[in-house]
N, C-alpha and C. Protein backbone atom coordinates (compact mmCIF):
# COMPACT_ATOMS: atom_id res chain seq x y z
N THR A 1 236.48 30.06 161.62
CA THR A 1 237.06 31.42 161.55
C THR A 1 236.44 32.06 160.18
N ALA A 2 236.64 33.64 160.45
CA ALA A 2 235.99 34.42 159.32
C ALA A 2 237.26 34.49 158.23
N ARG A 3 236.52 34.50 157.01
CA ARG A 3 237.20 34.50 155.81
C ARG A 3 237.79 35.68 155.76
N ARG A 4 239.08 36.36 155.57
CA ARG A 4 239.68 37.23 155.10
C ARG A 4 239.53 38.00 153.94
N ILE A 5 238.83 38.91 153.59
CA ILE A 5 238.49 39.62 152.25
C ILE A 5 239.65 40.63 151.76
N LYS A 6 240.25 39.83 150.42
CA LYS A 6 241.39 41.04 150.21
C LYS A 6 240.91 42.44 149.89
N MET A 7 241.22 43.48 150.39
CA MET A 7 240.57 44.59 149.82
C MET A 7 241.46 45.44 148.48
N PRO A 8 241.30 46.37 148.15
CA PRO A 8 242.16 47.07 147.28
C PRO A 8 243.02 48.11 148.01
N ASP A 9 243.89 48.33 147.32
CA ASP A 9 245.36 49.11 148.26
C ASP A 9 245.98 50.13 147.65
N ILE A 10 245.95 51.21 148.53
CA ILE A 10 246.19 52.61 148.10
C ILE A 10 247.87 52.65 148.39
N LYS A 11 248.59 52.46 146.94
CA LYS A 11 250.11 52.80 147.48
C LYS A 11 250.50 54.06 147.49
N LYS A 12 250.00 55.06 147.07
CA LYS A 12 250.57 56.42 147.14
C LYS A 12 249.54 57.36 147.42
N VAL A 13 249.65 58.53 147.90
CA VAL A 13 248.69 59.84 148.14
C VAL A 13 249.72 60.96 147.44
N THR A 14 248.97 61.66 146.56
CA THR A 14 249.68 62.94 145.95
C THR A 14 248.98 63.76 146.15
N PRO A 15 249.17 65.08 146.81
CA PRO A 15 248.29 66.55 146.53
C PRO A 15 248.65 67.18 145.26
N LEU A 16 247.38 67.52 144.80
CA LEU A 16 247.45 67.97 143.14
C LEU A 16 247.22 69.66 143.47
N THR A 17 246.74 69.89 144.75
CA THR A 17 246.21 71.46 144.63
C THR A 17 246.62 71.81 146.09
N GLU A 18 246.67 73.11 146.44
CA GLU A 18 246.73 73.71 147.91
C GLU A 18 245.63 74.96 148.02
N ASN A 19 244.69 74.66 147.92
CA ASN A 19 243.28 75.31 148.01
C ASN A 19 242.66 75.57 149.67
N PRO A 20 242.08 76.80 149.78
CA PRO A 20 241.70 76.87 151.38
C PRO A 20 240.37 76.08 151.58
N HIS A 21 239.49 75.54 150.84
CA HIS A 21 238.34 74.82 151.04
C HIS A 21 238.05 73.69 150.40
N VAL A 22 238.71 73.13 149.50
CA VAL A 22 238.73 71.74 148.82
C VAL A 22 240.19 71.54 148.02
N ASN A 23 240.19 70.33 148.11
CA ASN A 23 241.60 70.08 147.47
C ASN A 23 241.50 68.79 146.61
N LEU A 24 242.39 68.56 145.66
CA LEU A 24 242.13 67.03 144.78
C LEU A 24 243.51 66.39 145.23
N TYR A 25 243.23 65.38 144.98
CA TYR A 25 244.53 64.13 145.55
C TYR A 25 244.27 63.19 144.41
N HIS A 26 245.46 62.54 144.15
CA HIS A 26 245.60 61.62 143.21
C HIS A 26 246.15 60.28 143.96
N LEU A 27 245.66 59.32 143.91
CA LEU A 27 245.74 57.92 144.19
C LEU A 27 246.32 57.06 143.49
N ASP A 28 247.71 56.55 143.53
CA ASP A 28 247.97 55.24 143.15
C ASP A 28 247.28 53.97 144.05
N VAL A 29 246.69 53.27 143.06
CA VAL A 29 245.82 52.11 143.67
C VAL A 29 246.25 51.02 142.90
N GLU A 30 245.69 49.92 143.66
CA GLU A 30 245.91 48.47 143.26
C GLU A 30 244.69 47.61 143.56
N SER A 31 244.33 47.34 142.69
CA SER A 31 242.84 46.63 142.87
C SER A 31 243.09 45.01 143.74
N LYS A 32 241.75 44.05 144.06
CA LYS A 32 242.40 43.18 144.94
C LYS A 32 243.03 41.94 143.89
N THR A 33 242.77 42.06 142.72
CA THR A 33 243.34 41.27 141.57
C THR A 33 244.91 41.64 141.30
N GLY A 34 245.09 42.61 141.94
CA GLY A 34 246.50 43.31 141.49
C GLY A 34 246.81 44.13 140.45
N ARG A 35 245.68 44.42 139.96
CA ARG A 35 245.67 45.49 138.71
C ARG A 35 246.10 46.76 139.12
N LYS A 36 247.19 47.66 138.59
CA LYS A 36 247.43 48.96 138.81
C LYS A 36 246.48 50.26 138.30
N GLY A 37 245.92 51.11 139.16
CA GLY A 37 245.25 52.03 138.32
C GLY A 37 245.57 53.55 139.22
N HIS A 38 244.81 54.61 138.80
CA HIS A 38 244.65 55.54 139.31
C HIS A 38 243.09 56.43 139.99
N TYR A 39 243.10 56.82 140.86
CA TYR A 39 241.70 57.43 141.29
C TYR A 39 242.36 58.67 141.82
N TYR A 40 241.16 59.62 141.80
CA TYR A 40 241.27 60.76 142.21
C TYR A 40 240.30 61.40 143.21
N VAL A 41 240.52 61.93 144.34
CA VAL A 41 239.64 62.31 145.52
C VAL A 41 239.55 63.69 145.69
N ALA A 42 238.75 64.37 146.04
CA ALA A 42 238.31 65.60 146.51
C ALA A 42 238.20 65.70 147.69
N SER A 43 238.87 66.46 148.70
CA SER A 43 238.53 66.58 149.71
C SER A 43 238.50 68.05 150.48
N ARG A 44 238.12 68.11 151.82
CA ARG A 44 238.10 69.43 152.73
C ARG A 44 239.49 69.44 153.16
N ALA A 45 240.21 68.12 153.18
CA ALA A 45 241.36 68.16 154.08
C ALA A 45 242.24 69.04 153.33
N LYS A 46 243.37 70.11 154.09
CA LYS A 46 244.25 70.69 153.47
C LYS A 46 245.85 70.03 153.46
N THR A 47 245.77 68.90 154.02
CA THR A 47 247.19 68.21 154.09
C THR A 47 246.63 66.37 153.70
N GLU A 48 247.57 65.77 153.31
CA GLU A 48 247.53 64.43 153.32
C GLU A 48 246.77 63.85 154.36
N ASN A 49 247.93 64.04 155.33
CA ASN A 49 247.60 63.38 156.86
C ASN A 49 246.26 63.90 157.39
N GLU A 50 245.27 64.78 157.07
CA GLU A 50 243.81 65.24 157.52
C GLU A 50 242.98 64.30 156.43
N LEU A 51 243.35 63.83 155.12
CA LEU A 51 242.51 62.92 154.57
C LEU A 51 241.82 62.06 155.54
N LYS A 52 240.46 61.45 155.10
CA LYS A 52 240.14 60.47 155.87
C LYS A 52 240.53 59.12 155.83
N ILE A 53 241.12 58.97 154.35
CA ILE A 53 241.99 57.80 154.26
C ILE A 53 243.11 57.46 155.14
N LYS A 54 243.64 58.78 155.60
CA LYS A 54 244.63 58.65 156.66
C LYS A 54 243.89 58.66 158.37
N THR A 55 242.94 59.46 158.33
CA THR A 55 242.62 59.55 159.85
C THR A 55 241.89 58.06 160.35
N ARG A 56 241.10 57.47 159.25
CA ARG A 56 240.12 56.45 159.38
C ARG A 56 239.00 57.18 160.41
N LYS A 57 238.74 58.51 160.60
CA LYS A 57 237.77 58.86 161.45
C LYS A 57 236.79 60.02 160.62
N ASN A 58 235.30 59.57 160.73
CA ASN A 58 234.35 60.29 159.91
C ASN A 58 234.12 61.58 160.87
N THR A 59 234.83 62.59 160.98
CA THR A 59 234.43 63.74 161.56
C THR A 59 233.78 64.78 160.69
N PRO A 60 232.90 65.35 161.13
CA PRO A 60 231.77 66.31 159.93
C PRO A 60 232.92 67.62 159.32
N ASP A 61 232.72 67.55 158.14
CA ASP A 61 233.40 68.53 157.33
C ASP A 61 232.32 69.94 157.34
N GLY A 62 231.04 69.55 157.33
CA GLY A 62 230.11 70.60 157.29
C GLY A 62 228.72 70.27 158.15
N VAL A 63 228.15 70.79 157.94
CA VAL A 63 226.70 70.64 158.80
C VAL A 63 225.53 71.15 157.75
N ILE A 64 224.41 70.46 157.66
CA ILE A 64 223.52 70.67 157.14
C ILE A 64 222.20 71.02 158.03
N ILE A 65 221.11 72.06 157.70
CA ILE A 65 220.17 72.48 158.69
C ILE A 65 218.91 72.21 158.08
N TYR A 66 218.04 71.27 158.73
CA TYR A 66 216.90 71.41 158.05
C TYR A 66 216.07 71.72 159.45
N SER A 67 215.50 72.91 159.12
CA SER A 67 214.66 73.73 160.37
C SER A 67 213.16 73.98 159.84
N LEU A 68 212.26 74.28 160.93
CA LEU A 68 210.97 74.71 160.44
C LEU A 68 210.78 75.94 160.87
N TYR A 69 209.88 76.88 160.47
CA TYR A 69 209.59 78.39 161.06
C TYR A 69 208.14 78.66 160.89
N GLY A 70 207.92 79.43 161.82
CA GLY A 70 206.52 79.95 162.04
C GLY A 70 205.79 79.34 163.36
N GLU A 71 204.67 79.79 163.57
CA GLU A 71 203.91 79.55 165.13
C GLU A 71 203.34 78.23 164.63
N LYS A 72 203.07 77.71 163.48
CA LYS A 72 202.46 76.17 163.03
C LYS A 72 203.53 75.57 162.70
N LYS A 73 204.92 75.98 162.66
CA LYS A 73 205.95 75.08 162.12
C LYS A 73 205.62 74.40 160.77
N ASP A 74 204.92 75.20 159.68
CA ASP A 74 204.25 74.72 158.85
C ASP A 74 205.23 75.31 157.40
N ARG A 75 206.37 75.95 157.71
CA ARG A 75 207.23 76.37 156.67
C ARG A 75 208.74 76.00 156.92
N VAL A 76 209.33 75.59 155.75
CA VAL A 76 210.72 75.08 155.91
C VAL A 76 211.91 75.97 155.55
N VAL A 77 213.00 76.28 156.20
CA VAL A 77 213.82 77.26 155.48
C VAL A 77 214.85 76.57 154.69
N LEU A 78 214.66 77.38 153.60
CA LEU A 78 215.70 76.90 152.38
C LEU A 78 216.32 78.27 151.88
N VAL A 79 217.49 78.12 151.12
CA VAL A 79 218.52 79.00 150.32
C VAL A 79 218.34 78.72 149.07
N ARG A 80 217.93 79.55 148.21
CA ARG A 80 218.13 79.54 147.02
C ARG A 80 219.55 79.93 146.38
N GLN A 81 220.53 79.23 145.99
CA GLN A 81 221.73 79.66 145.83
C GLN A 81 222.36 79.31 144.65
N TYR A 82 222.95 80.30 144.12
CA TYR A 82 224.14 80.09 143.02
C TYR A 82 225.05 79.14 142.93
N ARG A 83 225.22 78.30 142.01
CA ARG A 83 226.58 77.37 142.29
C ARG A 83 227.14 77.27 140.92
N TYR A 84 228.48 77.62 140.90
CA TYR A 84 229.32 77.95 140.05
C TYR A 84 229.25 76.31 138.91
N ALA A 85 229.11 75.03 139.74
CA ALA A 85 229.17 73.83 139.35
C ALA A 85 228.38 73.48 138.07
N ILE A 86 227.06 74.23 138.32
CA ILE A 86 225.95 73.85 137.53
C ILE A 86 225.59 75.41 136.71
N ASP A 87 226.45 76.46 137.07
CA ASP A 87 226.30 77.62 136.55
C ASP A 87 224.51 77.94 136.66
N SER A 88 223.97 77.77 137.66
CA SER A 88 222.48 77.93 138.30
C SER A 88 222.40 78.14 139.35
N TYR A 89 221.31 78.23 139.82
CA TYR A 89 220.51 78.26 141.27
C TYR A 89 219.85 77.00 141.48
N ILE A 90 220.29 76.53 142.74
CA ILE A 90 219.59 75.52 143.51
C ILE A 90 219.19 75.63 144.55
N TYR A 91 217.95 74.81 145.16
CA TYR A 91 217.28 74.86 146.35
C TYR A 91 218.36 74.05 147.23
N GLU A 92 218.68 74.60 148.37
CA GLU A 92 219.12 73.78 149.45
C GLU A 92 218.89 74.14 150.61
N PHE A 93 219.24 73.48 152.20
CA PHE A 93 219.42 73.66 153.29
C PHE A 93 220.35 74.88 153.47
N PRO A 94 219.97 75.45 154.26
CA PRO A 94 221.34 76.30 154.93
C PRO A 94 222.42 75.52 155.52
N ALA A 95 223.57 75.58 155.26
CA ALA A 95 224.69 74.85 155.48
C ALA A 95 226.00 75.65 155.60
N GLY A 96 227.14 74.89 155.88
CA GLY A 96 228.25 75.29 156.17
C GLY A 96 229.49 74.44 156.58
N LEU A 97 230.74 74.73 156.75
CA LEU A 97 231.62 74.10 157.14
C LEU A 97 231.85 74.20 158.78
N VAL A 98 232.25 73.25 159.15
CA VAL A 98 232.45 72.99 160.65
C VAL A 98 234.14 73.36 161.01
N GLU A 99 234.30 74.31 161.81
CA GLU A 99 235.58 75.00 162.08
C GLU A 99 236.33 73.76 162.91
N PRO A 100 237.55 73.94 162.85
CA PRO A 100 238.33 72.67 163.62
C PRO A 100 237.70 73.10 165.16
N GLY A 101 237.46 72.05 165.60
CA GLY A 101 237.29 71.89 167.23
C GLY A 101 236.05 72.35 167.55
N GLU A 102 234.99 72.82 166.41
CA GLU A 102 233.71 73.40 166.99
C GLU A 102 232.95 72.16 166.87
N ASP A 103 231.41 72.21 167.68
CA ASP A 103 230.72 71.22 167.57
C ASP A 103 229.94 71.68 166.39
N TYR A 104 229.39 70.46 165.92
CA TYR A 104 228.68 70.46 164.73
C TYR A 104 227.14 71.35 165.32
N ARG A 105 226.91 71.62 166.09
CA ARG A 105 225.53 71.72 166.57
C ARG A 105 225.60 73.48 166.80
N GLU A 106 226.92 74.04 167.24
CA GLU A 106 227.13 75.16 167.19
C GLU A 106 227.66 75.71 165.87
N ALA A 107 228.17 75.03 165.18
CA ALA A 107 228.15 75.06 163.55
C ALA A 107 226.91 75.71 163.05
N ALA A 108 225.76 74.62 163.30
CA ALA A 108 224.59 74.88 162.68
C ALA A 108 224.08 76.35 163.15
N ILE A 109 223.93 76.28 164.50
CA ILE A 109 223.42 77.81 165.14
C ILE A 109 224.17 79.11 164.22
N ARG A 110 225.62 78.91 164.32
CA ARG A 110 226.37 80.04 163.72
C ARG A 110 225.96 80.21 162.25
N GLU A 111 225.91 79.07 161.35
CA GLU A 111 225.69 79.31 159.96
C GLU A 111 224.29 79.68 159.79
N MET A 112 223.42 79.66 160.55
CA MET A 112 221.80 79.83 160.35
C MET A 112 221.91 81.06 160.16
N LYS A 113 222.28 81.54 161.52
CA LYS A 113 222.84 83.23 161.89
C LYS A 113 223.17 83.67 160.54
N GLU A 114 224.48 83.37 160.10
CA GLU A 114 225.16 84.03 159.00
C GLU A 114 224.27 84.06 157.74
N GLU A 115 223.93 82.95 157.61
CA GLU A 115 223.13 82.93 156.21
C GLU A 115 221.72 83.39 156.20
N THR A 116 221.12 83.33 157.16
CA THR A 116 219.51 83.77 157.09
C THR A 116 219.07 84.92 157.94
N GLY A 117 220.12 84.97 158.83
CA GLY A 117 219.72 86.10 160.35
C GLY A 117 218.67 85.48 161.20
N LEU A 118 218.26 84.04 161.30
CA LEU A 118 217.46 83.54 161.87
C LEU A 118 218.10 82.57 163.13
N THR A 119 217.29 82.67 164.25
CA THR A 119 218.02 81.97 165.66
C THR A 119 217.51 80.54 165.45
N LEU A 120 218.50 79.56 165.34
CA LEU A 120 218.09 77.99 165.32
C LEU A 120 218.28 77.51 167.06
N THR A 121 217.11 76.94 166.99
CA THR A 121 217.21 76.06 168.26
C THR A 121 216.93 74.51 168.12
N PRO A 122 218.02 73.93 168.01
CA PRO A 122 218.29 72.37 167.73
C PRO A 122 217.62 71.52 168.79
N LEU A 123 216.88 70.47 168.02
CA LEU A 123 216.28 69.55 168.51
C LEU A 123 217.26 68.52 168.87
N ASP A 124 216.82 67.92 170.01
CA ASP A 124 217.99 66.66 170.98
C ASP A 124 217.33 65.61 170.24
N VAL A 125 217.86 64.67 169.27
CA VAL A 125 217.93 63.67 168.27
C VAL A 125 218.55 62.65 168.35
N ASP A 126 217.69 61.39 168.13
CA ASP A 126 218.66 60.24 168.38
C ASP A 126 220.21 60.39 167.28
N PRO A 127 221.27 60.01 167.97
CA PRO A 127 222.74 60.21 167.20
C PRO A 127 222.30 59.56 165.88
N ALA A 128 221.85 58.50 165.35
CA ALA A 128 221.76 57.95 164.40
C ALA A 128 221.42 58.83 163.06
N TYR A 129 220.57 60.08 163.49
CA TYR A 129 219.77 60.82 162.37
C TYR A 129 220.64 62.16 162.10
N GLU A 130 221.60 62.41 162.98
CA GLU A 130 222.42 63.74 162.78
C GLU A 130 223.69 63.25 162.83
N LYS A 131 224.40 61.92 163.04
CA LYS A 131 225.76 61.93 162.87
C LYS A 131 226.50 62.21 161.46
N PRO A 132 227.61 62.21 161.11
CA PRO A 132 227.88 62.58 159.53
C PRO A 132 227.68 61.37 158.71
N TYR A 133 227.63 61.65 157.72
CA TYR A 133 227.13 60.79 156.55
C TYR A 133 227.86 61.32 155.25
N PHE A 134 228.32 60.50 154.51
CA PHE A 134 229.09 61.14 153.29
C PHE A 134 228.13 61.72 152.25
N THR A 135 228.71 62.67 151.37
CA THR A 135 227.94 63.28 150.53
C THR A 135 227.86 62.80 149.18
N THR A 136 228.98 62.73 148.62
CA THR A 136 229.28 62.13 147.05
C THR A 136 230.69 61.35 147.28
N ILE A 137 230.40 60.17 148.06
CA ILE A 137 231.63 59.39 148.27
C ILE A 137 232.21 58.81 147.01
N GLY A 138 231.53 59.08 145.78
CA GLY A 138 232.63 58.32 144.29
C GLY A 138 233.53 59.59 144.25
N MET A 139 233.56 60.70 144.51
CA MET A 139 234.16 61.88 143.94
C MET A 139 234.91 62.51 145.40
N THR A 140 234.40 62.52 147.04
CA THR A 140 234.93 63.03 147.79
C THR A 140 234.74 62.29 149.08
N ASP A 141 235.83 62.53 150.06
CA ASP A 141 235.45 61.83 151.32
C ASP A 141 234.75 63.09 152.34
N GLU A 142 234.30 64.16 151.79
CA GLU A 142 233.43 65.07 152.48
C GLU A 142 232.31 64.28 153.56
N SER A 143 232.00 64.74 154.58
CA SER A 143 230.95 64.06 155.14
C SER A 143 230.33 65.18 156.33
N CYS A 144 228.82 65.22 156.09
CA CYS A 144 228.48 66.22 156.52
C CYS A 144 227.40 65.66 157.88
N ALA A 145 227.30 66.69 158.99
CA ALA A 145 226.38 66.26 159.94
C ALA A 145 224.95 66.93 159.44
N SER A 146 223.89 66.53 160.29
CA SER A 146 222.70 67.16 160.16
C SER A 146 222.13 67.52 161.49
N VAL A 147 221.55 68.77 161.41
CA VAL A 147 220.98 69.51 162.50
C VAL A 147 219.91 69.86 162.40
N TYR A 148 218.70 69.08 163.09
CA TYR A 148 217.23 69.45 163.03
C TYR A 148 216.75 70.51 163.95
N GLY A 149 215.67 71.33 163.71
CA GLY A 149 215.52 72.49 164.90
C GLY A 149 214.63 73.05 164.24
N TYR A 150 214.13 74.31 164.88
CA TYR A 150 213.05 75.26 164.67
C TYR A 150 213.99 76.89 164.63
N ALA A 151 213.34 77.32 163.85
CA ALA A 151 213.78 78.73 163.42
C ALA A 151 213.06 79.86 163.67
N SER A 152 213.87 81.06 164.46
CA SER A 152 212.86 81.93 164.85
C SER A 152 213.54 83.10 164.33
N GLY A 153 212.82 84.62 164.58
CA GLY A 153 213.52 85.59 164.21
C GLY A 153 212.83 86.22 163.06
N GLN A 154 213.83 87.12 162.32
CA GLN A 154 213.68 87.98 161.03
C GLN A 154 214.60 87.47 160.31
N VAL A 155 214.10 87.41 158.83
CA VAL A 155 215.20 87.08 158.01
C VAL A 155 216.00 88.50 157.38
N SER A 156 217.26 87.68 157.65
CA SER A 156 218.05 88.80 156.83
C SER A 156 219.46 88.47 156.57
N GLY A 157 219.86 89.35 155.38
CA GLY A 157 221.13 88.48 154.96
C GLY A 157 222.40 89.28 155.07
N ASP A 158 222.19 90.28 155.96
CA ASP A 158 223.30 90.89 156.38
C ASP A 158 224.57 90.19 156.91
N GLY A 159 224.90 88.86 157.09
CA GLY A 159 225.81 88.21 157.64
C GLY A 159 226.47 87.57 156.68
N LEU A 160 226.00 87.70 155.00
CA LEU A 160 226.52 86.81 153.99
C LEU A 160 227.78 87.56 153.62
N GLU A 161 228.70 86.79 153.05
CA GLU A 161 229.87 86.85 152.40
C GLU A 161 229.57 87.68 150.98
N ASP A 162 230.47 88.42 150.48
CA ASP A 162 230.16 89.07 149.18
C ASP A 162 229.91 88.00 148.14
N SER A 163 230.85 86.77 148.26
CA SER A 163 230.68 85.79 147.44
C SER A 163 229.66 84.84 147.50
N GLU A 164 228.78 84.87 148.57
CA GLU A 164 227.33 84.27 148.54
C GLU A 164 226.57 85.07 147.86
N GLU A 165 225.80 84.26 146.79
CA GLU A 165 224.58 84.72 145.87
C GLU A 165 223.51 83.76 146.30
N LEU A 166 222.93 84.30 147.53
CA LEU A 166 221.48 83.57 147.66
C LEU A 166 220.16 84.09 148.41
N GLU A 167 219.50 83.47 148.25
CA GLU A 167 218.00 84.17 148.46
C GLU A 167 217.42 83.21 149.64
N ILE A 168 216.93 83.48 150.71
CA ILE A 168 216.39 83.18 151.68
C ILE A 168 214.92 82.42 151.64
N VAL A 169 214.48 81.32 151.59
CA VAL A 169 213.15 80.94 151.20
C VAL A 169 212.50 80.31 152.67
N LEU A 170 211.16 80.75 152.67
CA LEU A 170 210.57 80.30 153.81
C LEU A 170 209.56 79.48 153.28
N ALA A 171 209.59 78.24 152.91
CA ALA A 171 208.75 77.48 151.92
C ALA A 171 207.58 77.10 152.68
N ASP A 172 206.05 77.12 152.08
CA ASP A 172 204.81 76.09 152.72
C ASP A 172 205.09 75.00 151.98
N ARG A 173 204.17 74.04 152.17
CA ARG A 173 204.00 72.84 151.41
C ARG A 173 203.55 73.06 150.15
N GLU A 174 202.72 73.96 149.60
CA GLU A 174 202.44 73.98 148.22
C GLU A 174 203.88 74.41 147.44
N GLU A 175 204.71 75.37 148.05
CA GLU A 175 205.70 75.80 147.38
C GLU A 175 206.75 74.78 147.30
N VAL A 176 206.96 73.86 148.28
CA VAL A 176 207.62 72.70 148.45
C VAL A 176 207.36 71.76 147.10
N ARG A 177 205.99 71.47 147.06
CA ARG A 177 205.62 70.70 145.89
C ARG A 177 206.14 71.39 144.42
N ARG A 178 206.03 72.62 144.61
CA ARG A 178 206.32 73.37 143.07
C ARG A 178 207.91 72.95 143.17
N ILE A 179 208.86 73.43 144.10
CA ILE A 179 209.96 73.11 143.87
C ILE A 179 210.51 71.94 143.28
N LEU A 180 209.87 70.83 144.23
CA LEU A 180 210.29 69.43 143.77
C LEU A 180 210.03 68.92 142.38
N ARG A 181 208.85 69.79 141.83
CA ARG A 181 208.45 69.24 140.77
C ARG A 181 209.03 70.19 139.44
N GLU A 182 209.47 71.22 139.77
CA GLU A 182 210.19 72.69 139.01
C GLU A 182 211.49 72.81 138.94
N GLU A 183 212.32 72.44 140.03
CA GLU A 183 213.21 73.36 140.37
C GLU A 183 214.44 72.26 140.55
N LYS A 184 215.86 73.07 140.47
CA LYS A 184 216.78 71.86 140.84
C LYS A 184 217.00 71.82 142.39
N ALA A 185 217.30 70.72 142.92
CA ALA A 185 217.62 70.72 144.29
C ALA A 185 218.68 69.61 144.64
N ALA A 186 219.28 70.02 146.06
CA ALA A 186 220.41 69.26 146.69
C ALA A 186 219.65 68.06 146.63
N ILE A 187 220.33 66.52 146.75
CA ILE A 187 219.29 65.61 146.86
C ILE A 187 219.22 64.94 148.32
N MET A 188 220.04 65.59 149.18
CA MET A 188 219.73 65.65 150.67
C MET A 188 218.47 66.57 150.95
N THR A 189 218.16 67.51 150.21
CA THR A 189 217.12 68.32 150.79
C THR A 189 216.32 67.94 150.05
N ALA A 190 215.89 67.38 148.74
CA ALA A 190 214.89 66.77 148.33
C ALA A 190 214.50 65.78 148.94
N TYR A 191 215.10 64.75 149.61
CA TYR A 191 214.56 63.88 150.35
C TYR A 191 213.73 64.50 151.82
N MET A 192 214.53 65.47 152.43
CA MET A 192 213.79 65.80 153.57
C MET A 192 212.62 66.72 153.36
N LEU A 193 212.74 67.15 152.01
CA LEU A 193 211.34 67.90 151.76
C LEU A 193 210.29 66.81 151.80
N MET A 194 210.43 65.94 150.98
CA MET A 194 209.17 65.13 151.02
C MET A 194 208.74 64.26 152.52
N HIS A 195 209.87 64.14 153.34
CA HIS A 195 209.06 64.17 154.66
C HIS A 195 208.55 65.44 155.09
N PHE A 196 209.05 66.36 154.92
CA PHE A 196 208.25 67.61 154.89
C PHE A 196 206.92 67.46 154.55
N LEU A 197 206.52 66.92 153.45
CA LEU A 197 205.21 66.98 152.81
C LEU A 197 204.33 65.96 153.52
N HIS A 198 204.76 65.04 153.83
CA HIS A 198 204.00 63.96 154.27
C HIS A 198 204.08 63.64 155.67
N ASP A 199 204.68 64.42 156.57
CA ASP A 199 204.66 64.18 157.91
C ASP A 199 203.25 65.15 158.28
N ASP A 200 202.23 64.56 159.23
CA ASP A 200 201.38 65.58 159.64
C ASP A 200 201.94 66.07 161.01
N GLU A 201 203.13 65.54 161.65
CA GLU A 201 203.39 65.99 162.73
C GLU A 201 204.97 66.52 162.41
N PRO A 202 205.41 67.62 162.82
CA PRO A 202 206.43 68.21 162.30
C PRO A 202 207.56 67.02 163.06
N PHE A 203 208.67 66.67 162.10
CA PHE A 203 209.49 65.77 162.52
C PHE A 203 209.42 64.47 162.72
N ALA A 204 208.17 63.95 162.51
CA ALA A 204 207.32 62.85 162.76
C ALA A 204 208.45 61.56 162.31
N PHE A 205 209.31 61.92 161.57
CA PHE A 205 209.92 60.78 160.98
C PHE A 205 211.20 60.65 162.02
N LEU A 206 211.59 61.59 162.81
CA LEU A 206 212.80 61.54 163.54
C LEU A 206 212.49 60.44 165.02
N LYS A 207 211.31 60.26 164.93
CA LYS A 207 210.87 59.19 166.08
C LYS A 207 210.83 57.86 165.89
N GLU A 208 211.05 57.36 164.46
CA GLU A 208 211.07 56.26 164.00
C GLU A 208 211.87 55.12 163.93
N ILE A 209 213.10 55.60 164.49
CA ILE A 209 214.21 54.58 164.62
C ILE A 209 214.26 53.70 165.72
């Protein structure tokens, strides 16, 4: 018979904030050796019952869009966005929250249009590449799906909200090398830009699973 491994135990969950997009929850916990402690989790969940602790479901809170642009598919669509957490600009992929009941591919198309003015045509890829993965699990239960595709049209910031401070960047390989060497970048974006640099064929890495 398989040996049962004792897991830590979450005794109580207490909401600490009531915000529209992210909230903080306090956990009373007990380690597998019986030691009591405290933990804090940030979450997109608006109520305790929506936490992944409770639902046990990995539904995507957001979507990250890795798309290529141009006739030769030789430029990647990035945004250079101001983030309060670092009081600075950082390079990221276009991204956004998935609305309740919304398919994350549809969310990607919507977010791409709103943030950049471009039209996204998603690729059909193995589910292992686009399923939601956790972003910063030490602090939050947030998970994001990835959508890959090709972007077309003209860049426009007309769909941006007043609170969004960002610049749309269509980066070729030379600019991507500069960004990786010199600029701040989100970790998911940085990893995918490394693929962009080394794949002779667009999205070649998606065929490797």
